[in-house]
């Protein structure tokens, strides 16, 4: 019986968990006061502050990321549509709409881990 179970596990492996790419600080952009809302992003499209998008320095446009707030466990799935952040120590800039789903904007930044989806 053990051999049969072992054979089944080898033939039908479980799906792999997404590997964490980076952990660090996330910030947000796209508010009325920062001037980025509806401006053209690096991918050529307008920055929608409520869209589930993010800026990352080197991942290809269109890459889907899971961003998890390390403090509260909340997560969001985003698409890389822009370049940045341009502040030392930050790994991603989220749209204000996306950031609001994992943290309070009044916090300014959040400690997160990101992984490809």
PDB file of N, CA and C in Angstrom:
ATOM      1  N   UNK A   1       0.824  -1.196   0.000  1.00  0.00           N
ATOM      2  CA  UNK A   1       0.000   0.000   0.000  1.00  0.00           C
ATOM      3  C   UNK A   1       0.875   1.269   0.000  1.00  0.00           C
ATOM      4  N   UNK A   2       1.953   1.222   0.784  1.00  0.00           N
ATOM      5  CA  UNK A   2       2.841   2.385   0.852  1.00  0.00           C
ATOM      6  C   UNK A   2       3.474   2.665  -0.504  1.00  0.00           C
ATOM      7  N   UNK A   3       3.821   1.601  -1.217  1.00  0.00           N
ATOM      8  CA  UNK A   3       4.429   1.762  -2.545  1.00  0.00           C
ATOM      9  C   UNK A   3       3.453   2.412  -3.519  1.00  0.00           C
ATOM     10  N   UNK A   4       2.181   2.038  -3.424  1.00  0.00           N
ATOM     11  CA  UNK A   4       1.166   2.621  -4.306  1.00  0.00           C
ATOM     12  C   UNK A   4       1.015   4.107  -4.028  1.00  0.00           C
ATOM     13  N   UNK A   5       0.944   4.468  -2.748  1.00  0.00           N
ATOM     14  CA  UNK A   5       0.822   5.889  -2.388  1.00  0.00           C
ATOM     15  C   UNK A   5       2.045   6.676  -2.839  1.00  0.00           C
ATOM     16  N   UNK A   6       3.223   6.115  -2.630  1.00  0.00           N
ATOM     17  CA  UNK A   6       4.446   6.790  -3.052  1.00  0.00           C
ATOM     18  C   UNK A   6       4.475   6.965  -4.563  1.00  0.00           C
ATOM     19  N   UNK A   7       4.052   5.950  -5.289  1.00  0.00           N
ATOM     20  CA  UNK A   7       4.000   6.030  -6.754  1.00  0.00           C
ATOM     21  C   UNK A   7       3.037   7.114  -7.207  1.00  0.00           C
ATOM     22  N   UNK A   8       1.880   7.206  -6.546  1.00  0.00           N
ATOM     23  CA  UNK A   8       0.906   8.244  -6.906  1.00  0.00           C
ATOM     24  C   UNK A   8       1.462   9.636  -6.651  1.00  0.00           C
ATOM     25  N   UNK A   9       2.167   9.809  -5.547  1.00  0.00           N
ATOM     26  CA  UNK A   9       2.755  11.117  -5.245  1.00  0.00           C
ATOM     27  C   UNK A   9       3.812  11.501  -6.272  1.00  0.00           C
ATOM     28  N   UNK A  10       4.578  10.546  -6.728  1.00  0.00           N
ATOM     29  CA  UNK A  10       5.601  10.839  -7.731  1.00  0.00           C
ATOM     30  C   UNK A  10       4.994  11.138  -9.093  1.00  0.00           C
ATOM     31  N   UNK A  11       3.899  10.473  -9.423  1.00  0.00           N
ATOM     32  CA  UNK A  11       3.247  10.691 -10.715  1.00  0.00           C
ATOM     33  C   UNK A  11       2.380  11.937 -10.730  1.00  0.00           C
ATOM     34  N   UNK A  12       1.854  12.319  -9.598  1.00  0.00           N
ATOM     35  CA  UNK A  12       0.930  13.464  -9.495  1.00  0.00           C
ATOM     36  C   UNK A  12       1.468  14.438  -8.458  1.00  0.00           C
ATOM     37  N   UNK A  13       2.536  15.158  -8.771  1.00  0.00           N
ATOM     38  CA  UNK A  13       3.104  16.071  -7.781  1.00  0.00           C
ATOM     39  C   UNK A  13       2.136  17.197  -7.448  1.00  0.00           C
ATOM     40  N   UNK A  14       2.253  17.692  -6.240  1.00  0.00           N
ATOM     41  CA  UNK A  14       1.440  18.826  -5.810  1.00  0.00           C
ATOM     42  C   UNK A  14       1.930  20.083  -6.517  1.00  0.00           C
ATOM     43  N   UNK A  15       1.039  21.057  -6.763  1.00  0.00           N
ATOM     44  CA  UNK A  15       1.493  22.296  -7.405  1.00  0.00           C
ATOM     45  C   UNK A  15       2.500  23.018  -6.524  1.00  0.00           C
ATOM     46  N   UNK A  16       3.501  23.581  -7.151  1.00  0.00           N
ATOM     47  CA  UNK A  16       4.537  24.296  -6.409  1.00  0.00           C
ATOM     48  C   UNK A  16       4.007  25.620  -5.885  1.00  0.00           C
ATOM     49  N   UNK A  17       4.445  25.973  -4.703  1.00  0.00           N
ATOM     50  CA  UNK A  17       4.100  27.272  -4.148  1.00  0.00           C
ATOM     51  C   UNK A  17       4.922  28.341  -4.865  1.00  0.00           C
ATOM     52  N   UNK A  18       4.358  29.528  -4.975  1.00  0.00           N
ATOM     53  CA  UNK A  18       5.085  30.626  -5.608  1.00  0.00           C
ATOM     54  C   UNK A  18       6.271  31.003  -4.729  1.00  0.00           C
ATOM     55  N   UNK A  19       7.431  31.100  -5.330  1.00  0.00           N
ATOM     56  CA  UNK A  19       8.626  31.456  -4.586  1.00  0.00           C
ATOM     57  C   UNK A  19       8.658  32.961  -4.364  1.00  0.00           C
ATOM     58  N   UNK A  20       9.018  33.350  -3.157  1.00  0.00           N
ATOM     59  CA  UNK A  20       9.134  34.770  -2.839  1.00  0.00           C
ATOM     60  C   UNK A  20      10.302  35.359  -3.616  1.00  0.00           C
ATOM     61  N   UNK A  21      10.027  36.443  -4.331  1.00  0.00           N
ATOM     62  CA  UNK A  21      11.080  37.125  -5.088  1.00  0.00           C
ATOM     63  C   UNK A  21      11.858  38.092  -4.216  1.00  0.00           C
ATOM     64  N   UNK A  22      11.119  38.907  -3.471  1.00  0.00           N
ATOM     65  CA  UNK A  22      11.741  39.960  -2.679  1.00  0.00           C
ATOM     66  C   UNK A  22      10.863  40.267  -1.468  1.00  0.00           C
ATOM     67  N   UNK A  23      11.495  40.746  -0.425  1.00  0.00           N
ATOM     68  CA  UNK A  23      10.787  41.319   0.713  1.00  0.00           C
ATOM     69  C   UNK A  23      11.413  42.686   0.973  1.00  0.00           C
ATOM     70  N   UNK A  24      10.583  43.627   1.343  1.00  0.00           N
ATOM     71  CA  UNK A  24      11.073  44.977   1.601  1.00  0.00           C
ATOM     72  C   UNK A  24       9.916  45.923   1.798  1.00  0.00           C
ATOM     73  N   UNK A  25      10.144  47.183   1.491  1.00  0.00           N
ATOM     74  CA  UNK A  25       9.125  48.208   1.699  1.00  0.00           C
ATOM     75  C   UNK A  25       8.391  48.533   0.408  1.00  0.00           C
ATOM     76  N   UNK A  26       7.083  48.731   0.565  1.00  0.00           N
ATOM     77  CA  UNK A  26       6.238  49.170  -0.543  1.00  0.00           C
ATOM     78  C   UNK A  26       5.671  50.532  -0.209  1.00  0.00           C
ATOM     79  N   UNK A  27       5.544  51.358  -1.227  1.00  0.00           N
ATOM     80  CA  UNK A  27       4.889  52.653  -1.088  1.00  0.00           C
ATOM     81  C   UNK A  27       3.783  52.714  -2.136  1.00  0.00           C
ATOM     82  N   UNK A  28       3.146  53.856  -2.238  1.00  0.00           N
ATOM     83  CA  UNK A  28       2.069  53.993  -3.225  1.00  0.00           C
ATOM     84  C   UNK A  28       2.205  55.299  -3.976  1.00  0.00           C
ATOM     85  N   UNK A  29       1.515  55.360  -5.105  1.00  0.00           N
ATOM     86  CA  UNK A  29       1.466  56.589  -5.887  1.00  0.00           C
ATOM     87  C   UNK A  29       0.145  56.658  -6.631  1.00  0.00           C
ATOM     88  N   UNK A  30      -0.124  57.818  -7.193  1.00  0.00           N
ATOM     89  CA  UNK A  30      -1.371  58.008  -7.928  1.00  0.00           C
ATOM     90  C   UNK A  30      -2.409  58.832  -7.193  1.00  0.00           C
ATOM     91  N   UNK A  31      -1.984  59.551  -6.167  1.00  0.00           N
ATOM     92  CA  UNK A  31      -2.924  60.425  -5.456  1.00  0.00           C
ATOM     93  C   UNK A  31      -3.042  61.746  -6.204  1.00  0.00           C
ATOM     94  N   UNK A  32      -4.060  62.501  -5.869  1.00  0.00           N
ATOM     95  CA  UNK A  32      -4.263  63.802  -6.520  1.00  0.00           C
ATOM     96  C   UNK A  32      -3.081  64.732  -6.267  1.00  0.00           C
ATOM     97  N   UNK A  33      -2.443  64.600  -5.116  1.00  0.00           N
ATOM     98  CA  UNK A  33      -1.370  65.537  -4.770  1.00  0.00           C
ATOM     99  C   UNK A  33       0.003  65.164  -5.335  1.00  0.00           C
ATOM    100  N   UNK A  34       0.224  63.905  -5.728  1.00  0.00           N
ATOM    101  CA  UNK A  34       1.568  63.559  -6.200  1.00  0.00           C
ATOM    102  C   UNK A  34       1.750  63.761  -7.706  1.00  0.00           C
ATOM    103  N   UNK A  35       0.665  64.005  -8.438  1.00  0.00           N
ATOM    104  CA  UNK A  35       0.770  64.328  -9.851  1.00  0.00           C
ATOM    105  C   UNK A  35       0.895  63.148 -10.808  1.00  0.00           C
ATOM    106  N   UNK A  36       0.846  61.907 -10.308  1.00  0.00           N
ATOM    107  CA  UNK A  36       0.992  60.746 -11.179  1.00  0.00           C
ATOM    108  C   UNK A  36      -0.331  60.211 -11.717  1.00  0.00           C
ATOM    109  N   UNK A  37      -1.436  60.542 -11.052  1.00  0.00           N
ATOM    110  CA  UNK A  37      -2.736  60.023 -11.492  1.00  0.00           C
ATOM    111  C   UNK A  37      -3.002  60.435 -12.938  1.00  0.00           C
ATOM    112  N   UNK A  38      -3.322  59.446 -13.765  1.00  0.00           N
ATOM    113  CA  UNK A  38      -3.684  59.593 -15.172  1.00  0.00           C
ATOM    114  C   UNK A  38      -2.532  60.058 -16.061  1.00  0.00           C
ATOM    115  N   UNK A  39      -1.320  60.124 -15.529  1.00  0.00           N
ATOM    116  CA  UNK A  39      -0.148  60.416 -16.359  1.00  0.00           C
ATOM    117  C   UNK A  39       0.282  59.128 -17.066  1.00  0.00           C
ATOM    118  N   UNK A  40       0.995  59.255 -18.164  1.00  0.00           N
ATOM    119  CA  UNK A  40       1.447  58.087 -18.912  1.00  0.00           C
ATOM    120  C   UNK A  40       2.534  57.350 -18.138  1.00  0.00           C
ATOM    121  N   UNK A  41       2.335  56.028 -17.984  1.00  0.00           N
ATOM    122  CA  UNK A  41       3.312  55.185 -17.290  1.00  0.00           C
ATOM    123  C   UNK A  41       4.372  54.711 -18.292  1.00  0.00           C
ATOM    124  N   UNK A  42       5.353  53.991 -17.794  1.00  0.00           N
ATOM    125  CA  UNK A  42       6.432  53.478 -18.643  1.00  0.00           C
ATOM    126  C   UNK A  42       5.914  52.520 -19.717  1.00  0.00           C
ATOM    127  N   UNK A  43       4.765  51.880 -19.488  1.00  0.00           N
ATOM    128  CA  UNK A  43       4.213  50.968 -20.500  1.00  0.00           C
ATOM    129  C   UNK A  43       3.378  51.699 -21.548  1.00  0.00           C
ATOM    130  N   UNK A  44       3.279  53.024 -21.440  1.00  0.00           N
ATOM    131  CA  UNK A  44       2.569  53.828 -22.431  1.00  0.00           C
ATOM    132  C   UNK A  44       1.101  54.071 -22.142  1.00  0.00           C
ATOM    133  N   UNK A  45       0.578  53.506 -21.058  1.00  0.00           N
ATOM    134  CA  UNK A  45      -0.838  53.659 -20.716  1.00  0.00           C
ATOM    135  C   UNK A  45      -1.000  54.632 -19.551  1.00  0.00           C
ATOM    136  N   UNK A  46      -2.196  55.239 -19.402  1.00  0.00           N
ATOM    137  CA  UNK A  46      -2.405  56.161 -18.287  1.00  0.00           C
ATOM    138  C   UNK A  46      -2.456  55.432 -16.943  1.00  0.00           C
ATOM    139  N   UNK A  47      -1.947  56.078 -15.900  1.00  0.00           N
ATOM    140  CA  UNK A  47      -1.918  55.516 -14.558  1.00  0.00           C
ATOM    141  C   UNK A  47      -3.284  55.707 -13.903  1.00  0.00           C
ATOM    142  N   UNK A  48      -4.044  54.610 -13.763  1.00  0.00           N
ATOM    143  CA  UNK A  48      -5.344  54.636 -13.089  1.00  0.00           C
ATOM    144  C   UNK A  48      -5.102  54.394 -11.606  1.00  0.00           C
ATOM    145  N   UNK A  49      -5.369  55.379 -10.743  1.00  0.00           N
ATOM    146  CA  UNK A  49      -5.075  55.232  -9.322  1.00  0.00           C
ATOM    147  C   UNK A  49      -5.802  54.074  -8.646  1.00  0.00           C
ATOM    148  N   UNK A  50      -6.942  53.656  -9.184  1.00  0.00           N
ATOM    149  CA  UNK A  50      -7.708  52.581  -8.554  1.00  0.00           C
ATOM    150  C   UNK A  50      -7.426  51.205  -9.162  1.00  0.00           C
ATOM    151  N   UNK A  51      -6.624  51.137 -10.195  1.00  0.00           N
ATOM    152  CA  UNK A  51      -6.310  49.853 -10.833  1.00  0.00           C
ATOM    153  C   UNK A  51      -5.378  49.034  -9.949  1.00  0.00           C
ATOM    154  N   UNK A  52      -5.391  47.736 -10.131  1.00  0.00           N
ATOM    155  CA  UNK A  52      -4.528  46.830  -9.366  1.00  0.00           C
ATOM    156  C   UNK A  52      -3.196  46.681 -10.104  1.00  0.00           C
ATOM    157  N   UNK A  53      -2.402  47.749 -10.011  1.00  0.00           N
ATOM    158  CA  UNK A  53      -1.132  47.812 -10.736  1.00  0.00           C
ATOM    159  C   UNK A  53       0.004  48.191  -9.790  1.00  0.00           C
ATOM    160  N   UNK A  54       1.222  47.959 -10.280  1.00  0.00           N
ATOM    161  CA  UNK A  54       2.402  48.273  -9.486  1.00  0.00           C
ATOM    162  C   UNK A  54       3.558  48.676 -10.391  1.00  0.00           C
ATOM    163  N   UNK A  55       4.488  49.403  -9.814  1.00  0.00           N
ATOM    164  CA  UNK A  55       5.738  49.736 -10.488  1.00  0.00           C
ATOM    165  C   UNK A  55       6.835  48.885  -9.865  1.00  0.00           C
ATOM    166  N   UNK A  56       7.672  48.309 -10.729  1.00  0.00           N
ATOM    167  CA  UNK A  56       8.806  47.505 -10.266  1.00  0.00           C
ATOM    168  C   UNK A  56       9.994  47.860 -11.159  1.00  0.00           C
ATOM    169  N   UNK A  57      11.204  47.886 -10.596  1.00  0.00           N
ATOM    170  CA  UNK A  57      12.352  48.351 -11.389  1.00  0.00           C
ATOM    171  C   UNK A  57      12.769  47.457 -12.546  1.00  0.00           C
ATOM    172  N   UNK A  58      12.581  46.128 -12.465  1.00  0.00           N
ATOM    173  CA  UNK A  58      13.127  45.277 -13.527  1.00  0.00           C
ATOM    174  C   UNK A  58      12.230  44.149 -14.017  1.00  0.00           C
ATOM    175  N   UNK A  59      11.161  43.837 -13.335  1.00  0.00           N
ATOM    176  CA  UNK A  59      10.280  42.771 -13.831  1.00  0.00           C
ATOM    177  C   UNK A  59       9.587  43.219 -15.120  1.00  0.00           C
ATOM    178  N   UNK A  60       9.365  42.322 -16.069  1.00  0.00           N
ATOM    179  CA  UNK A  60       8.727  42.692 -17.340  1.00  0.00           C
ATOM    180  C   UNK A  60       7.301  43.212 -17.132  1.00  0.00           C
ATOM    181  N   UNK A  61       6.897  44.149 -17.982  1.00  0.00           N
ATOM    182  CA  UNK A  61       5.518  44.621 -17.949  1.00  0.00           C
ATOM    183  C   UNK A  61       4.587  43.437 -18.158  1.00  0.00           C
ATOM    184  N   UNK A  62       3.488  43.437 -17.440  1.00  0.00           N
ATOM    185  CA  UNK A  62       2.529  42.351 -17.551  1.00  0.00           C
ATOM    186  C   UNK A  62       2.732  41.245 -16.527  1.00  0.00           C
ATOM    187  N   UNK A  63       3.886  41.224 -15.859  1.00  0.00           N
ATOM    188  CA  UNK A  63       4.119  40.221 -14.819  1.00  0.00           C
ATOM    189  C   UNK A  63       3.088  40.396 -13.709  1.00  0.00           C
ATOM    190  N   UNK A  64       2.481  39.288 -13.300  1.00  0.00           N
ATOM    191  CA  UNK A  64       1.510  39.331 -12.199  1.00  0.00           C
ATOM    192  C   UNK A  64       2.221  38.984 -10.904  1.00  0.00           C
ATOM    193  N   UNK A  65       2.001  39.808  -9.892  1.00  0.00           N
ATOM    194  CA  UNK A  65       2.640  39.634  -8.598  1.00  0.00           C
ATOM    195  C   UNK A  65       1.610  39.520  -7.491  1.00  0.00           C
ATOM    196  N   UNK A  66       1.931  38.707  -6.513  1.00  0.00           N
ATOM    197  CA  UNK A  66       1.166  38.689  -5.273  1.00  0.00           C
ATOM    198  C   UNK A  66       1.979  39.490  -4.274  1.00  0.00           C
ATOM    199  N   UNK A  67       1.359  40.505  -3.694  1.00  0.00           N
ATOM    200  CA  UNK A  67       2.014  41.355  -2.713  1.00  0.00           C
ATOM    201  C   UNK A  67       1.334  41.092  -1.374  1.00  0.00           C
ATOM    202  N   UNK A  68       2.121  40.663  -0.382  1.00  0.00           N
ATOM    203  CA  UNK A  68       1.587  40.321   0.936  1.00  0.00           C
ATOM    204  C   UNK A  68       2.163  41.280   1.971  1.00  0.00           C
ATOM    205  N   UNK A  69       1.279  41.936   2.719  1.00  0.00           N
ATOM    206  CA  UNK A  69       1.688  42.799   3.819  1.00  0.00           C
ATOM    207  C   UNK A  69       2.145  41.896   4.966  1.00  0.00           C
ATOM    208  N   UNK A  70       3.404  42.005   5.375  1.00  0.00           N
ATOM    209  CA  UNK A  70       3.948  41.147   6.422  1.00  0.00           C
ATOM    210  C   UNK A  70       3.339  41.435   7.788  1.00  0.00           C
ATOM    211  N   UNK A  71       2.810  42.630   7.991  1.00  0.00           N
ATOM    212  CA  UNK A  71       2.265  42.996   9.301  1.00  0.00           C
ATOM    213  C   UNK A  71       0.883  42.417   9.567  1.00  0.00           C
ATOM    214  N   UNK A  72       0.043  42.336   8.504  1.00  0.00           N
ATOM    215  CA  UNK A  72      -1.340  41.897   8.739  1.00  0.00           C
ATOM    216  C   UNK A  72      -1.768  40.709   7.878  1.00  0.00           C
ATOM    217  N   UNK A  73      -0.911  40.247   6.978  1.00  0.00           N
ATOM    218  CA  UNK A  73      -1.219  39.092   6.148  1.00  0.00           C
ATOM    219  C   UNK A  73      -2.123  39.379   4.962  1.00  0.00           C
ATOM    220  N   UNK A  74      -2.586  40.612   4.798  1.00  0.00           N
ATOM    221  CA  UNK A  74      -3.443  40.944   3.661  1.00  0.00           C
ATOM    222  C   UNK A  74      -2.626  40.908   2.383  1.00  0.00           C
ATOM    223  N   UNK A  75      -3.276  40.471   1.285  1.00  0.00           N
ATOM    224  CA  UNK A  75      -2.559  40.366   0.025  1.00  0.00           C
ATOM    225  C   UNK A  75      -3.413  40.880  -1.122  1.00  0.00           C
ATOM    226  N   UNK A  76      -2.740  41.143  -2.228  1.00  0.00           N
ATOM    227  CA  UNK A  76      -3.395  41.629  -3.432  1.00  0.00           C
ATOM    228  C   UNK A  76      -2.595  41.121  -4.633  1.00  0.00           C
ATOM    229  N   UNK A  77      -3.303  40.830  -5.724  1.00  0.00           N
ATOM    230  CA  UNK A  77      -2.652  40.416  -6.973  1.00  0.00           C
ATOM    231  C   UNK A  77      -2.600  41.641  -7.891  1.00  0.00           C
ATOM    232  N   UNK A  78      -1.402  41.939  -8.383  1.00  0.00           N
ATOM    233  CA  UNK A  78      -1.181  43.148  -9.184  1.00  0.00           C
ATOM    234  C   UNK A  78      -0.462  42.803 -10.477  1.00  0.00           C
ATOM    235  N   UNK A  79      -0.499  43.746 -11.402  1.00  0.00           N
ATOM    236  CA  UNK A  79       0.219  43.607 -12.660  1.00  0.00           C
ATOM    237  C   UNK A  79       1.266  44.714 -12.747  1.00  0.00           C
ATOM    238  N   UNK A  80       2.480  44.354 -13.159  1.00  0.00           N
ATOM    239  CA  UNK A  80       3.549  45.344 -13.334  1.00  0.00           C
ATOM    240  C   UNK A  80       3.246  46.156 -14.586  1.00  0.00           C
ATOM    241  N   UNK A  81       3.093  47.472 -14.415  1.00  0.00           N
ATOM    242  CA  UNK A  81       2.762  48.359 -15.527  1.00  0.00           C
ATOM    243  C   UNK A  81       3.670  49.577 -15.612  1.00  0.00           C
ATOM    244  N   UNK A  82       4.584  49.714 -14.651  1.00  0.00           N
ATOM    245  CA  UNK A  82       5.386  50.931 -14.588  1.00  0.00           C
ATOM    246  C   UNK A  82       6.750  50.599 -13.995  1.00  0.00           C
ATOM    247  N   UNK A  83       7.665  51.553 -14.052  1.00  0.00           N
ATOM    248  CA  UNK A  83       8.990  51.411 -13.458  1.00  0.00           C
ATOM    249  C   UNK A  83       9.072  52.236 -12.182  1.00  0.00           C
ATOM    250  N   UNK A  84       9.887  51.800 -11.280  1.00  0.00           N
ATOM    251  CA  UNK A  84      10.050  52.444  -9.984  1.00  0.00           C
ATOM    252  C   UNK A  84      10.073  51.353  -8.928  1.00  0.00           C
ATOM    253  N   UNK A  85      10.127  51.691  -7.695  1.00  0.00           N
ATOM    254  CA  UNK A  85      10.234  53.026  -7.121  1.00  0.00           C
ATOM    255  C   UNK A  85      11.654  53.583  -7.255  1.00  0.00           C
ATOM    256  N   UNK A  86      11.736  54.854  -7.090  1.00  0.00           N
ATOM    257  CA  UNK A  86      13.015  55.537  -7.213  1.00  0.00           C
ATOM    258  C   UNK A  86      13.486  56.086  -5.876  1.00  0.00           C
ATOM    259  N   UNK A  87      13.052  55.437  -4.796  1.00  0.00           N
ATOM    260  CA  UNK A  87      13.466  55.802  -3.441  1.00  0.00           C
ATOM    261  C   UNK A  87      14.228  54.615  -2.871  1.00  0.00           C
ATOM    262  N   UNK A  88      15.421  54.844  -2.367  1.00  0.00           N
ATOM    263  CA  UNK A  88      16.261  53.778  -1.822  1.00  0.00           C
ATOM    264  C   UNK A  88      15.504  52.999  -0.736  1.00  0.00           C
ATOM    265  N   UNK A  89      15.602  51.680  -0.806  1.00  0.00           N
ATOM    266  CA  UNK A  89      15.005  50.838   0.223  1.00  0.00           C
ATOM    267  C   UNK A  89      13.594  50.366  -0.069  1.00  0.00           C
ATOM    268  N   UNK A  90      13.016  50.824  -1.168  1.00  0.00           N
ATOM    269  CA  UNK A  90      11.670  50.384  -1.534  1.00  0.00           C
ATOM    270  C   UNK A  90      11.747  49.435  -2.724  1.00  0.00           C
ATOM    271  N   UNK A  91      10.899  48.386  -2.697  1.00  0.00           N
ATOM    272  CA  UNK A  91      10.967  47.389  -3.766  1.00  0.00           C
ATOM    273  C   UNK A  91       9.842  47.520  -4.783  1.00  0.00           C
ATOM    274  N   UNK A  92       8.707  48.082  -4.396  1.00  0.00           N
ATOM    275  CA  UNK A  92       7.584  48.304  -5.315  1.00  0.00           C
ATOM    276  C   UNK A  92       6.833  49.561  -4.924  1.00  0.00           C
ATOM    277  N   UNK A  93       6.223  50.185  -5.935  1.00  0.00           N
ATOM    278  CA  UNK A  93       5.253  51.273  -5.742  1.00  0.00           C
ATOM    279  C   UNK A  93       3.908  50.738  -6.201  1.00  0.00           C
ATOM    280  N   UNK A  94       2.934  50.722  -5.329  1.00  0.00           N
ATOM    281  CA  UNK A  94       1.599  50.248  -5.674  1.00  0.00           C
ATOM    282  C   UNK A  94       0.706  51.427  -6.018  1.00  0.00           C
ATOM    283  N   UNK A  95      -0.292  51.186  -6.860  1.00  0.00           N
ATOM    284  CA  UNK A  95      -1.310  52.222  -7.049  1.00  0.00           C
ATOM    285  C   UNK A  95      -1.987  52.441  -5.695  1.00  0.00           C
ATOM    286  N   UNK A  96      -2.511  53.620  -5.474  1.00  0.00           N
ATOM    287  CA  UNK A  96      -3.167  53.921  -4.205  1.00  0.00           C
ATOM    288  C   UNK A  96      -4.321  52.943  -3.949  1.00  0.00           C
ATOM    289  N   UNK A  97      -5.030  52.556  -4.993  1.00  0.00           N
ATOM    290  CA  UNK A  97      -6.133  51.608  -4.835  1.00  0.00           C
ATOM    291  C   UNK A  97      -5.657  50.249  -4.348  1.00  0.00           C
ATOM    292  N   UNK A  98      -4.537  49.791  -4.876  1.00  0.00           N
ATOM    293  CA  UNK A  98      -3.973  48.503  -4.455  1.00  0.00           C
ATOM    294  C   UNK A  98      -3.415  48.583  -3.042  1.00  0.00           C
ATOM    295  N   UNK A  99      -2.698  49.657  -2.750  1.00  0.00           N
ATOM    296  CA  UNK A  99      -2.113  49.825  -1.419  1.00  0.00           C
ATOM    297  C   UNK A  99      -3.204  49.854  -0.356  1.00  0.00           C
ATOM    298  N   UNK A 100      -4.322  50.488  -0.674  1.00  0.00           N
ATOM    299  CA  UNK A 100      -5.433  50.605   0.287  1.00  0.00           C
ATOM    300  C   UNK A 100      -6.021  49.247   0.664  1.00  0.00           C
ATOM    301  N   UNK A 101      -5.827  48.255  -0.190  1.00  0.00           N
ATOM    302  CA  UNK A 101      -6.350  46.911   0.117  1.00  0.00           C
ATOM    303  C   UNK A 101      -5.482  46.143   1.106  1.00  0.00           C
ATOM    304  N   UNK A 102      -4.227  46.547   1.247  1.00  0.00           N
ATOM    305  CA  UNK A 102      -3.347  45.820   2.163  1.00  0.00           C
ATOM    306  C   UNK A 102      -2.890  46.641   3.363  1.00  0.00           C
ATOM    307  N   UNK A 103      -3.063  47.964   3.302  1.00  0.00           N
ATOM    308  CA  UNK A 103      -2.615  48.825   4.390  1.00  0.00           C
ATOM    309  C   UNK A 103      -3.347  50.164   4.320  1.00  0.00           C
ATOM    310  N   UNK A 104      -3.289  50.893   5.392  1.00  0.00           N
ATOM    311  CA  UNK A 104      -3.862  52.236   5.406  1.00  0.00           C
ATOM    312  C   UNK A 104      -2.899  53.198   4.720  1.00  0.00           C
ATOM    313  N   UNK A 105      -3.381  53.989   3.762  1.00  0.00           N
ATOM    314  CA  UNK A 105      -2.490  54.958   3.108  1.00  0.00           C
ATOM    315  C   UNK A 105      -1.813  55.913   4.093  1.00  0.00           C
ATOM    316  N   UNK A 106      -2.441  56.157   5.234  1.00  0.00           N
ATOM    317  CA  UNK A 106      -1.822  57.055   6.209  1.00  0.00           C
ATOM    318  C   UNK A 106      -0.517  56.480   6.767  1.00  0.00           C
ATOM    319  N   UNK A 107      -0.336  55.165   6.640  1.00  0.00           N
ATOM    320  CA  UNK A 107       0.926  54.550   7.079  1.00  0.00           C
ATOM    321  C   UNK A 107       2.080  54.935   6.170  1.00  0.00           C
ATOM    322  N   UNK A 108       1.776  55.242   4.915  1.00  0.00           N
ATOM    323  CA  UNK A 108       2.807  55.676   3.956  1.00  0.00           C
ATOM    324  C   UNK A 108       3.557  54.549   3.299  1.00  0.00           C
ATOM    325  N   UNK A 109       4.087  53.629   4.064  1.00  0.00           N
ATOM    326  CA  UNK A 109       4.778  52.463   3.523  1.00  0.00           C
ATOM    327  C   UNK A 109       4.326  51.223   4.272  1.00  0.00           C
ATOM    328  N   UNK A 110       4.569  50.069   3.678  1.00  0.00           N
ATOM    329  CA  UNK A 110       4.260  48.793   4.321  1.00  0.00           C
ATOM    330  C   UNK A 110       5.381  47.817   4.041  1.00  0.00           C
ATOM    331  N   UNK A 111       5.667  46.953   5.009  1.00  0.00           N
ATOM    332  CA  UNK A 111       6.637  45.872   4.794  1.00  0.00           C
ATOM    333  C   UNK A 111       5.911  44.746   4.080  1.00  0.00           C
ATOM    334  N   UNK A 112       6.431  44.362   2.904  1.00  0.00           N
ATOM    335  CA  UNK A 112       5.751  43.373   2.062  1.00  0.00           C
ATOM    336  C   UNK A 112       6.747  42.339   1.543  1.00  0.00           C
ATOM    337  N   UNK A 113       6.193  41.235   1.081  1.00  0.00           N
ATOM    338  CA  UNK A 113       6.931  40.264   0.282  1.00  0.00           C
ATOM    339  C   UNK A 113       6.178  40.113  -1.027  1.00  0.00           C
ATOM    340  N   UNK A 114       6.921  39.969  -2.127  1.00  0.00           N
ATOM    341  CA  UNK A 114       6.293  39.804  -3.429  1.00  0.00           C
ATOM    342  C   UNK A 114       6.706  38.474  -4.038  1.00  0.00           C
ATOM    343  N   UNK A 115       5.780  37.879  -4.784  1.00  0.00           N
ATOM    344  CA  UNK A 115       6.058  36.642  -5.509  1.00  0.00           C
ATOM    345  C   UNK A 115       5.308  36.679  -6.829  1.00  0.00           C
ATOM    346  N   UNK A 116       5.843  35.983  -7.821  1.00  0.00           N
ATOM    347  CA  UNK A 116       5.156  35.888  -9.114  1.00  0.00           C
ATOM    348  C   UNK A 116       3.960  34.975  -8.983  1.00  0.00           C
ATOM    349  N   UNK A 117       2.904  35.310  -9.723  1.00  0.00           N
ATOM    350  CA  UNK A 117       1.702  34.474  -9.730  1.00  0.00           C
ATOM    351  C   UNK A 117       1.671  33.712 -11.031  1.00  0.00           C
TER     352      UNK A 117
END
